[in-house]
Amino acid sequence: METGKAVLTVLFEDPFWIGVYEREWDGRYEVCKITFGAEPKDYEVYDFLLKNWKHLPFSLPVKAAPMAEHAVNPKRLQREIRRATRPAGVGTKARQALKLQQEQRKAERTERGREHRDAEKDRQYALRQEKRRQKHRGH
């Protein structure tokens, strides 16, 4: 049986409220950072997730440790929930995945910029060559 886990943590990172959405599925861990701006209400967060679920920019999948499949004592579960709801910030695994996503986007942006510069260089060169040909045609 396949199991999955999803956790959304909403926290204030000056000057905006952000959401860190983590999901584990089939031994893969992915994370997404969502910027909300002003403090979002619960129903706004829920509505945002419902409408934008397919368009969320998740990081590359990172191999995750297998999730335990055992019954949890109700008191222990209550303690874990209380611990999770305490404002603690983002976990290190999420930070690493977000950093990896940021580096990936930076590499893509650099590659696009390089391609754009090269295309512009080629265009300028072609214009210069055409101009030279036009000059020689008149004589």
N, C-alpha and C. Protein backbone atom coordinates (compact mmCIF):
# COMPACT_ATOMS: atom_id res chain seq x y z
N MET A 1 0.84 -1.18 0.00
CA MET A 1 0.00 0.00 0.00
C MET A 1 0.88 1.24 0.00
N GLU A 2 0.61 2.17 -0.90
CA GLU A 2 1.36 3.41 -0.97
C GLU A 2 0.76 4.42 0.01
N THR A 3 1.64 5.10 0.71
CA THR A 3 1.17 6.13 1.63
C THR A 3 1.88 7.43 1.31
N GLY A 4 1.23 8.51 1.63
CA GLY A 4 1.81 9.81 1.40
C GLY A 4 1.59 10.70 2.60
N LYS A 5 2.36 11.76 2.65
CA LYS A 5 2.25 12.68 3.77
C LYS A 5 2.44 14.09 3.23
N ALA A 6 1.62 15.02 3.66
CA ALA A 6 1.73 16.40 3.23
C ALA A 6 1.61 17.30 4.45
N VAL A 7 2.51 18.29 4.53
CA VAL A 7 2.52 19.21 5.67
C VAL A 7 2.65 20.63 5.12
N LEU A 8 1.78 21.51 5.56
CA LEU A 8 1.85 22.92 5.19
C LEU A 8 2.15 23.72 6.45
N THR A 9 3.24 24.46 6.43
CA THR A 9 3.62 25.30 7.56
C THR A 9 3.55 26.75 7.10
N VAL A 10 2.73 27.54 7.75
CA VAL A 10 2.62 28.97 7.43
C VAL A 10 3.35 29.73 8.52
N LEU A 11 4.31 30.58 8.08
CA LEU A 11 5.09 31.33 9.05
C LEU A 11 5.42 32.71 8.50
N PHE A 12 5.85 33.57 9.41
CA PHE A 12 6.18 34.94 9.04
C PHE A 12 7.67 35.05 8.83
N GLU A 13 8.06 35.38 7.60
CA GLU A 13 9.46 35.62 7.26
C GLU A 13 9.50 37.05 6.75
N ASP A 14 10.02 37.93 7.59
CA ASP A 14 9.96 39.37 7.34
C ASP A 14 10.28 39.72 5.90
N PRO A 15 9.50 40.40 5.15
CA PRO A 15 8.30 41.16 5.47
C PRO A 15 7.01 40.44 5.07
N PHE A 16 7.08 39.17 4.63
CA PHE A 16 5.90 38.48 4.13
C PHE A 16 5.57 37.25 4.94
N TRP A 17 4.32 36.79 4.80
CA TRP A 17 3.90 35.49 5.32
C TRP A 17 4.15 34.49 4.21
N ILE A 18 4.78 33.39 4.55
CA ILE A 18 5.06 32.36 3.56
C ILE A 18 4.50 31.03 4.03
N GLY A 19 4.30 30.16 3.09
CA GLY A 19 3.88 28.81 3.40
C GLY A 19 4.91 27.85 2.83
N VAL A 20 5.33 26.89 3.63
CA VAL A 20 6.25 25.86 3.16
C VAL A 20 5.45 24.58 3.09
N TYR A 21 5.24 24.12 1.87
CA TYR A 21 4.41 22.94 1.64
C TYR A 21 5.34 21.77 1.33
N GLU A 22 5.35 20.78 2.22
CA GLU A 22 6.20 19.61 2.07
C GLU A 22 5.32 18.40 1.77
N ARG A 23 5.79 17.56 0.86
CA ARG A 23 5.04 16.33 0.61
C ARG A 23 6.00 15.17 0.40
N GLU A 24 5.63 14.03 0.95
CA GLU A 24 6.37 12.78 0.79
C GLU A 24 5.45 11.80 0.11
N TRP A 25 5.97 11.15 -0.92
CA TRP A 25 5.15 10.19 -1.64
C TRP A 25 6.08 9.19 -2.30
N ASP A 26 5.85 7.93 -2.05
CA ASP A 26 6.57 6.86 -2.72
C ASP A 26 8.09 7.01 -2.53
N GLY A 27 8.53 7.38 -1.34
CA GLY A 27 9.95 7.49 -1.04
C GLY A 27 10.61 8.75 -1.57
N ARG A 28 9.82 9.70 -2.04
CA ARG A 28 10.35 10.96 -2.55
C ARG A 28 9.86 12.11 -1.67
N TYR A 29 10.72 13.10 -1.48
CA TYR A 29 10.40 14.27 -0.67
C TYR A 29 10.50 15.49 -1.57
N GLU A 30 9.45 16.31 -1.60
CA GLU A 30 9.43 17.53 -2.39
C GLU A 30 8.92 18.67 -1.51
N VAL A 31 9.37 19.88 -1.83
CA VAL A 31 8.96 21.04 -1.03
C VAL A 31 8.68 22.20 -1.97
N CYS A 32 7.78 23.07 -1.53
CA CYS A 32 7.39 24.24 -2.32
C CYS A 32 7.23 25.42 -1.37
N LYS A 33 7.71 26.58 -1.79
CA LYS A 33 7.58 27.78 -0.98
C LYS A 33 6.52 28.67 -1.62
N ILE A 34 5.53 29.07 -0.83
CA ILE A 34 4.43 29.89 -1.31
C ILE A 34 4.46 31.22 -0.55
N THR A 35 4.50 32.34 -1.27
CA THR A 35 4.49 33.65 -0.63
C THR A 35 3.07 34.18 -0.62
N PHE A 36 2.58 34.51 0.58
CA PHE A 36 1.21 34.99 0.73
C PHE A 36 1.11 36.50 0.81
N GLY A 37 2.11 37.17 1.32
CA GLY A 37 2.03 38.62 1.50
C GLY A 37 1.47 38.92 2.88
N ALA A 38 0.22 39.41 2.93
CA ALA A 38 -0.42 39.70 4.22
C ALA A 38 -0.79 38.38 4.89
N GLU A 39 -1.04 38.45 6.20
CA GLU A 39 -1.35 37.22 6.94
C GLU A 39 -2.63 36.58 6.39
N PRO A 40 -2.51 35.33 5.91
CA PRO A 40 -3.68 34.69 5.30
C PRO A 40 -4.58 34.04 6.35
N LYS A 41 -5.86 34.02 6.07
CA LYS A 41 -6.81 33.30 6.91
C LYS A 41 -6.78 31.83 6.51
N ASP A 42 -7.30 30.97 7.37
CA ASP A 42 -7.29 29.54 7.08
C ASP A 42 -8.03 29.22 5.79
N TYR A 43 -9.18 29.83 5.61
CA TYR A 43 -9.97 29.53 4.41
C TYR A 43 -9.27 30.05 3.15
N GLU A 44 -8.49 31.14 3.26
CA GLU A 44 -7.74 31.66 2.11
C GLU A 44 -6.63 30.69 1.71
N VAL A 45 -5.96 30.12 2.71
CA VAL A 45 -4.91 29.15 2.42
C VAL A 45 -5.51 27.92 1.75
N TYR A 46 -6.61 27.44 2.30
CA TYR A 46 -7.27 26.26 1.75
C TYR A 46 -7.74 26.52 0.32
N ASP A 47 -8.33 27.67 0.09
CA ASP A 47 -8.80 28.04 -1.24
C ASP A 47 -7.63 28.15 -2.22
N PHE A 48 -6.53 28.74 -1.77
CA PHE A 48 -5.34 28.86 -2.62
C PHE A 48 -4.82 27.49 -3.03
N LEU A 49 -4.75 26.57 -2.07
CA LEU A 49 -4.27 25.22 -2.38
C LEU A 49 -5.20 24.51 -3.36
N LEU A 50 -6.50 24.66 -3.17
CA LEU A 50 -7.44 24.00 -4.08
C LEU A 50 -7.33 24.54 -5.50
N LYS A 51 -7.19 25.84 -5.63
CA LYS A 51 -7.15 26.45 -6.97
C LYS A 51 -5.81 26.27 -7.67
N ASN A 52 -4.71 26.29 -6.92
CA ASN A 52 -3.38 26.31 -7.53
C ASN A 52 -2.59 25.03 -7.33
N TRP A 53 -3.25 23.96 -6.96
CA TRP A 53 -2.57 22.71 -6.65
C TRP A 53 -1.66 22.24 -7.79
N LYS A 54 -2.15 22.27 -9.02
CA LYS A 54 -1.39 21.74 -10.15
C LYS A 54 -0.25 22.65 -10.59
N HIS A 55 -0.28 23.92 -10.17
CA HIS A 55 0.71 24.88 -10.64
C HIS A 55 1.79 25.20 -9.60
N LEU A 56 1.79 24.50 -8.48
CA LEU A 56 2.78 24.79 -7.44
C LEU A 56 4.16 24.33 -7.90
N PRO A 57 5.17 25.19 -7.74
CA PRO A 57 6.53 24.85 -8.21
C PRO A 57 7.30 24.02 -7.17
N PHE A 58 7.10 22.73 -7.16
CA PHE A 58 7.79 21.87 -6.21
C PHE A 58 9.24 21.69 -6.62
N SER A 59 10.09 21.44 -5.64
CA SER A 59 11.50 21.21 -5.90
C SER A 59 11.69 19.84 -6.54
N LEU A 60 12.91 19.58 -6.95
CA LEU A 60 13.22 18.26 -7.47
C LEU A 60 13.05 17.24 -6.36
N PRO A 61 12.58 16.04 -6.67
CA PRO A 61 12.38 15.03 -5.62
C PRO A 61 13.71 14.61 -4.99
N VAL A 62 13.70 14.54 -3.68
CA VAL A 62 14.86 14.10 -2.91
C VAL A 62 14.48 12.77 -2.27
N LYS A 63 15.40 11.84 -2.27
CA LYS A 63 15.10 10.54 -1.68
C LYS A 63 14.83 10.71 -0.18
N ALA A 64 13.72 10.13 0.28
CA ALA A 64 13.31 10.27 1.68
C ALA A 64 13.35 8.92 2.36
N ALA A 65 13.53 8.93 3.66
CA ALA A 65 13.49 7.69 4.44
C ALA A 65 12.06 7.15 4.40
N PRO A 66 11.91 5.83 4.37
CA PRO A 66 10.56 5.27 4.33
C PRO A 66 9.76 5.63 5.58
N MET A 67 8.48 5.90 5.37
CA MET A 67 7.61 6.29 6.48
C MET A 67 7.22 5.06 7.28
N ALA A 68 7.15 5.22 8.59
CA ALA A 68 6.79 4.11 9.47
C ALA A 68 5.29 3.85 9.36
N GLU A 69 4.92 2.57 9.33
CA GLU A 69 3.51 2.20 9.23
C GLU A 69 3.11 1.44 10.49
N HIS A 70 2.94 2.16 11.59
CA HIS A 70 2.51 1.52 12.81
C HIS A 70 1.53 2.43 13.54
N ALA A 71 0.73 1.81 14.38
CA ALA A 71 -0.26 2.58 15.14
C ALA A 71 0.45 3.42 16.19
N VAL A 72 -0.02 4.65 16.37
CA VAL A 72 0.60 5.56 17.33
C VAL A 72 -0.34 5.73 18.51
N ASN A 73 0.23 5.70 19.69
CA ASN A 73 -0.52 5.92 20.91
C ASN A 73 -1.20 7.30 20.83
N PRO A 74 -2.47 7.41 21.19
CA PRO A 74 -3.18 8.68 21.06
C PRO A 74 -2.54 9.83 21.85
N LYS A 75 -2.02 9.53 23.04
CA LYS A 75 -1.37 10.60 23.81
C LYS A 75 -0.10 11.06 23.10
N ARG A 76 0.65 10.13 22.56
CA ARG A 76 1.88 10.48 21.83
C ARG A 76 1.52 11.31 20.59
N LEU A 77 0.46 10.92 19.91
CA LEU A 77 0.01 11.65 18.74
C LEU A 77 -0.39 13.07 19.11
N GLN A 78 -1.08 13.21 20.26
CA GLN A 78 -1.46 14.53 20.73
C GLN A 78 -0.23 15.40 21.01
N ARG A 79 0.79 14.80 21.64
CA ARG A 79 2.03 15.53 21.91
C ARG A 79 2.71 15.96 20.62
N GLU A 80 2.74 15.07 19.65
CA GLU A 80 3.38 15.40 18.37
C GLU A 80 2.64 16.52 17.66
N ILE A 81 1.31 16.50 17.74
CA ILE A 81 0.52 17.56 17.12
C ILE A 81 0.80 18.89 17.82
N ARG A 82 0.84 18.88 19.15
CA ARG A 82 1.13 20.10 19.90
C ARG A 82 2.51 20.63 19.54
N ARG A 83 3.49 19.72 19.44
CA ARG A 83 4.86 20.10 19.08
C ARG A 83 4.90 20.68 17.67
N ALA A 84 4.11 20.10 16.76
CA ALA A 84 4.11 20.57 15.38
C ALA A 84 3.44 21.93 15.23
N THR A 85 2.45 22.22 16.08
CA THR A 85 1.75 23.50 15.97
C THR A 85 2.50 24.64 16.65
N ARG A 86 3.50 24.32 17.46
CA ARG A 86 4.31 25.37 18.07
C ARG A 86 5.10 26.08 16.99
N PRO A 87 5.24 27.41 17.07
CA PRO A 87 6.01 28.11 16.03
C PRO A 87 7.49 27.79 16.15
N ALA A 88 7.97 26.94 15.27
CA ALA A 88 9.36 26.53 15.33
C ALA A 88 10.13 26.92 14.08
N GLY A 89 9.43 27.17 12.99
CA GLY A 89 10.11 27.51 11.75
C GLY A 89 10.12 26.31 10.81
N VAL A 90 10.99 26.37 9.84
CA VAL A 90 11.04 25.35 8.81
C VAL A 90 12.15 24.37 9.13
N GLY A 91 11.89 23.09 8.87
CA GLY A 91 12.88 22.06 9.14
C GLY A 91 14.05 22.12 8.18
N THR A 92 15.13 21.48 8.56
CA THR A 92 16.34 21.54 7.74
C THR A 92 16.15 20.82 6.41
N LYS A 93 15.36 19.75 6.40
CA LYS A 93 15.14 19.03 5.14
C LYS A 93 14.43 19.94 4.15
N ALA A 94 13.47 20.70 4.64
CA ALA A 94 12.75 21.63 3.77
C ALA A 94 13.68 22.73 3.28
N ARG A 95 14.52 23.24 4.15
CA ARG A 95 15.48 24.28 3.75
C ARG A 95 16.42 23.77 2.66
N GLN A 96 16.89 22.55 2.81
CA GLN A 96 17.80 21.97 1.81
C GLN A 96 17.10 21.81 0.48
N ALA A 97 15.87 21.33 0.51
CA ALA A 97 15.12 21.14 -0.73
C ALA A 97 14.83 22.48 -1.40
N LEU A 98 14.48 23.51 -0.61
CA LEU A 98 14.25 24.83 -1.17
C LEU A 98 15.53 25.41 -1.76
N LYS A 99 16.65 25.17 -1.10
CA LYS A 99 17.93 25.66 -1.61
C LYS A 99 18.25 24.98 -2.94
N LEU A 100 17.99 23.68 -3.01
CA LEU A 100 18.22 22.94 -4.24
C LEU A 100 17.33 23.50 -5.36
N GLN A 101 16.07 23.81 -5.04
CA GLN A 101 15.16 24.37 -6.03
C GLN A 101 15.65 25.75 -6.48
N GLN A 102 16.14 26.55 -5.54
CA GLN A 102 16.64 27.87 -5.88
C GLN A 102 17.84 27.77 -6.81
N GLU A 103 18.76 26.84 -6.52
CA GLU A 103 19.93 26.66 -7.37
C GLU A 103 19.54 26.19 -8.76
N GLN A 104 18.53 25.32 -8.83
CA GLN A 104 18.06 24.83 -10.13
C GLN A 104 17.49 25.99 -10.95
N ARG A 105 16.67 26.82 -10.32
CA ARG A 105 16.09 27.96 -11.04
C ARG A 105 17.17 28.93 -11.47
N LYS A 106 18.18 29.13 -10.64
CA LYS A 106 19.27 30.04 -10.98
C LYS A 106 20.02 29.51 -12.20
N ALA A 107 20.28 28.20 -12.23
CA ALA A 107 20.97 27.60 -13.37
C ALA A 107 20.14 27.75 -14.64
N GLU A 108 18.82 27.54 -14.54
CA GLU A 108 17.94 27.71 -15.71
C GLU A 108 17.97 29.16 -16.19
N ARG A 109 17.90 30.10 -15.26
CA ARG A 109 17.91 31.52 -15.60
C ARG A 109 19.23 31.90 -16.28
N THR A 110 20.34 31.38 -15.75
CA THR A 110 21.65 31.66 -16.34
C THR A 110 21.72 31.11 -17.75
N GLU A 111 21.22 29.89 -17.93
CA GLU A 111 21.23 29.27 -19.26
C GLU A 111 20.39 30.07 -20.25
N ARG A 112 19.19 30.50 -19.82
CA ARG A 112 18.34 31.31 -20.70
C ARG A 112 19.03 32.61 -21.07
N GLY A 113 19.68 33.26 -20.10
CA GLY A 113 20.39 34.51 -20.37
C GLY A 113 21.52 34.30 -21.36
N ARG A 114 22.26 33.21 -21.19
CA ARG A 114 23.37 32.91 -22.10
C ARG A 114 22.84 32.68 -23.52
N GLU A 115 21.76 31.92 -23.63
CA GLU A 115 21.17 31.67 -24.96
C GLU A 115 20.70 32.98 -25.59
N HIS A 116 20.09 33.83 -24.78
CA HIS A 116 19.60 35.11 -25.29
C HIS A 116 20.77 35.97 -25.78
N ARG A 117 21.85 36.04 -24.99
CA ARG A 117 23.02 36.82 -25.40
C ARG A 117 23.63 36.28 -26.69
N ASP A 118 23.75 34.95 -26.78
CA ASP A 118 24.31 34.35 -27.98
C ASP A 118 23.45 34.63 -29.21
N ALA A 119 22.13 34.52 -29.04
CA ALA A 119 21.22 34.80 -30.15
C ALA A 119 21.34 36.26 -30.58
N GLU A 120 21.45 37.16 -29.61
CA GLU A 120 21.60 38.58 -29.93
C GLU A 120 22.92 38.84 -30.64
N LYS A 121 23.99 38.19 -30.21
CA LYS A 121 25.29 38.31 -30.88
C LYS A 121 25.20 37.85 -32.33
N ASP A 122 24.56 36.70 -32.54
CA ASP A 122 24.41 36.17 -33.90
C ASP A 122 23.58 37.12 -34.76
N ARG A 123 22.54 37.69 -34.18
CA ARG A 123 21.70 38.62 -34.93
C ARG A 123 22.49 39.86 -35.32
N GLN A 124 23.26 40.41 -34.38
CA GLN A 124 24.08 41.59 -34.66
C GLN A 124 25.11 41.28 -35.74
N TYR A 125 25.72 40.10 -35.66
CA TYR A 125 26.71 39.70 -36.65
C TYR A 125 26.07 39.61 -38.04
N ALA A 126 24.89 39.00 -38.10
CA ALA A 126 24.18 38.88 -39.38
C ALA A 126 23.84 40.26 -39.94
N LEU A 127 23.44 41.19 -39.08
CA LEU A 127 23.16 42.55 -39.53
C LEU A 127 24.41 43.23 -40.10
N ARG A 128 25.54 43.05 -39.41
CA ARG A 128 26.79 43.65 -39.89
C ARG A 128 27.18 43.07 -41.26
N GLN A 129 27.03 41.76 -41.40
CA GLN A 129 27.39 41.11 -42.66
C GLN A 129 26.48 41.62 -43.78
N GLU A 130 25.20 41.73 -43.48
CA GLU A 130 24.26 42.21 -44.50
C GLU A 130 24.59 43.65 -44.90
N LYS A 131 24.95 44.45 -43.91
CA LYS A 131 25.30 45.84 -44.18
C LYS A 131 26.53 45.91 -45.07
N ARG A 132 27.51 45.05 -44.82
CA ARG A 132 28.73 45.01 -45.66
C ARG A 132 28.37 44.63 -47.09
N ARG A 133 27.50 43.65 -47.24
CA ARG A 133 27.09 43.21 -48.58
C ARG A 133 26.38 44.34 -49.32
N GLN A 134 25.52 45.08 -48.58
CA GLN A 134 24.80 46.20 -49.19
C GLN A 134 25.77 47.28 -49.67
N LYS A 135 26.81 47.56 -48.91
CA LYS A 135 27.80 48.56 -49.28
C LYS A 135 28.51 48.18 -50.58
N HIS A 136 28.84 46.90 -50.73
CA HIS A 136 29.59 46.46 -51.91
C HIS A 136 28.71 46.35 -53.15
N ARG A 137 27.41 46.24 -53.00
CA ARG A 137 26.53 46.09 -54.17
C ARG A 137 26.44 47.38 -54.99
N GLY A 138 26.57 48.50 -54.33
CA GLY A 138 26.41 49.78 -55.01
C GLY A 138 27.55 50.13 -55.94
N HIS A 139 28.73 49.53 -55.81
CA HIS A 139 29.89 49.93 -56.61
C HIS A 139 30.06 49.13 -57.84
